Amino acid sequence: MLGYRFFEEYNDGRLESSSGNVIAIDLTGDSFVQEGGVCYGAVVAIPDKAKPNSPVFKRLFNAEYLGARCRRISEARARLIHPRLFEYLDAMA
């Protein structure tokens, strides 16, 4: 899917226990710096629904979290892990 990078989210900083969710960073939008780091537009799992293949929403996202709790993955793997994310992205297209 053009315009996005995908990151598998983990439950721990050791990247051993996958949350079963993916973060899609929107590369077509602008990034900006605010206190705490660089922010991007992203589609992420709804925090209070933190279970595998959670519902998603669009929000601003602190990129520092990606380095601490995520690993970049291919679109193919992202589609396997988090089908709801792609239902949302496909509906936006």
Protein backbone atom coordinates (compact mmCIF):
# COMPACT_ATOMS: atom_id res chain seq x y z
CA MET A 1 0.00 0.00 0.00
CA LEU A 2 1.63 3.22 -1.16
CA GLY A 3 2.21 5.97 1.32
CA TYR A 4 2.46 3.87 4.50
CA ARG A 5 5.13 2.08 6.53
CA PHE A 6 4.06 -0.72 8.82
CA PHE A 7 5.30 -1.53 12.31
CA GLU A 8 4.35 -4.52 14.44
CA GLU A 9 3.58 -3.41 17.99
CA TYR A 10 4.93 -5.41 20.93
CA ASN A 11 3.77 -5.67 24.54
CA ASP A 12 7.31 -5.33 25.87
CA GLY A 13 10.51 -3.44 25.15
CA ARG A 14 12.37 -6.66 24.34
CA LEU A 15 10.12 -7.14 21.27
CA GLU A 16 9.30 -10.71 22.27
CA SER A 17 5.53 -10.58 22.78
CA SER A 18 3.54 -9.24 19.84
CA SER A 19 0.36 -7.32 20.62
CA GLY A 20 -1.21 -8.67 17.41
CA ASN A 21 -1.60 -5.10 16.13
CA VAL A 22 0.17 -2.98 13.52
CA ILE A 23 0.83 0.75 13.35
CA ALA A 24 0.60 2.30 9.88
CA ILE A 25 2.63 5.51 9.56
CA ASP A 26 1.33 7.90 6.90
CA LEU A 27 4.30 9.00 4.80
CA THR A 28 2.26 11.42 2.68
CA GLY A 29 1.57 13.84 5.53
CA ASP A 30 3.88 16.25 7.27
CA SER A 31 5.78 15.41 10.42
CA PHE A 32 6.44 17.91 13.16
CA VAL A 33 8.41 18.20 16.36
CA GLN A 34 6.75 18.77 19.69
CA GLU A 35 7.90 18.27 23.25
CA GLY A 36 8.67 14.58 23.51
CA GLY A 37 9.68 13.93 19.91
CA VAL A 38 8.73 13.80 16.26
CA CYS A 39 5.07 13.17 15.42
CA TYR A 40 3.50 11.62 12.32
CA GLY A 41 -0.02 10.90 11.20
CA ALA A 42 -0.74 7.23 11.79
CA VAL A 43 -3.47 4.62 11.98
CA VAL A 44 -3.21 2.73 15.27
CA ALA A 45 -5.17 0.29 17.43
CA ILE A 46 -7.65 1.88 19.82
CA PRO A 47 -5.77 1.84 23.17
CA ASP A 48 -8.62 0.62 25.39
CA LYS A 49 -9.27 -2.28 23.03
CA ALA A 50 -5.70 -3.62 23.27
CA LYS A 51 -6.17 -7.14 21.96
CA PRO A 52 -5.01 -8.73 18.70
CA ASN A 53 -6.60 -7.30 15.54
CA SER A 54 -8.13 -4.39 17.48
CA PRO A 55 -10.30 -1.71 15.87
CA VAL A 56 -8.23 1.26 14.63
CA PHE A 57 -8.42 5.04 14.31
CA LYS A 58 -6.30 7.82 12.83
CA ARG A 59 -4.25 10.02 15.16
CA LEU A 60 -0.96 11.82 15.60
CA PHE A 61 1.71 9.46 16.80
CA ASN A 62 5.05 9.96 18.57
CA ALA A 63 7.76 8.28 16.49
CA GLU A 64 9.96 7.58 19.54
CA TYR A 65 7.51 4.81 20.48
CA LEU A 66 8.33 2.99 17.24
CA GLY A 67 11.96 2.54 18.30
CA ALA A 68 11.03 1.38 21.79
CA ARG A 69 8.07 -0.95 21.22
CA CYS A 70 7.82 -1.76 17.49
CA ARG A 71 9.58 -3.44 14.62
CA ARG A 72 9.18 -2.49 10.95
CA ILE A 73 7.49 -5.22 8.91
CA SER A 74 6.35 -5.82 5.35
CA GLU A 75 2.84 -5.03 4.17
CA ALA A 76 2.24 -8.74 3.61
CA ARG A 77 3.03 -9.55 7.25
CA ALA A 78 0.99 -6.56 8.43
CA ARG A 79 -2.03 -7.86 6.50
CA LEU A 80 -1.72 -11.25 8.22
CA ILE A 81 -1.38 -9.78 11.72
CA HIS A 82 -3.97 -6.98 11.59
CA PRO A 83 -6.71 -7.40 8.93
CA ARG A 84 -8.89 -4.70 10.55
CA LEU A 85 -6.20 -2.12 9.86
CA PHE A 86 -6.45 -2.85 6.14
CA GLU A 87 -10.24 -2.78 6.18
CA TYR A 88 -9.88 0.78 7.50
CA LEU A 89 -7.13 1.79 5.07
CA ASP A 90 -8.97 0.31 2.08
CA ALA A 91 -12.13 2.19 3.05
CA MET A 92 -10.15 5.46 3.15
CA ALA A 93 -8.73 4.93 -0.34
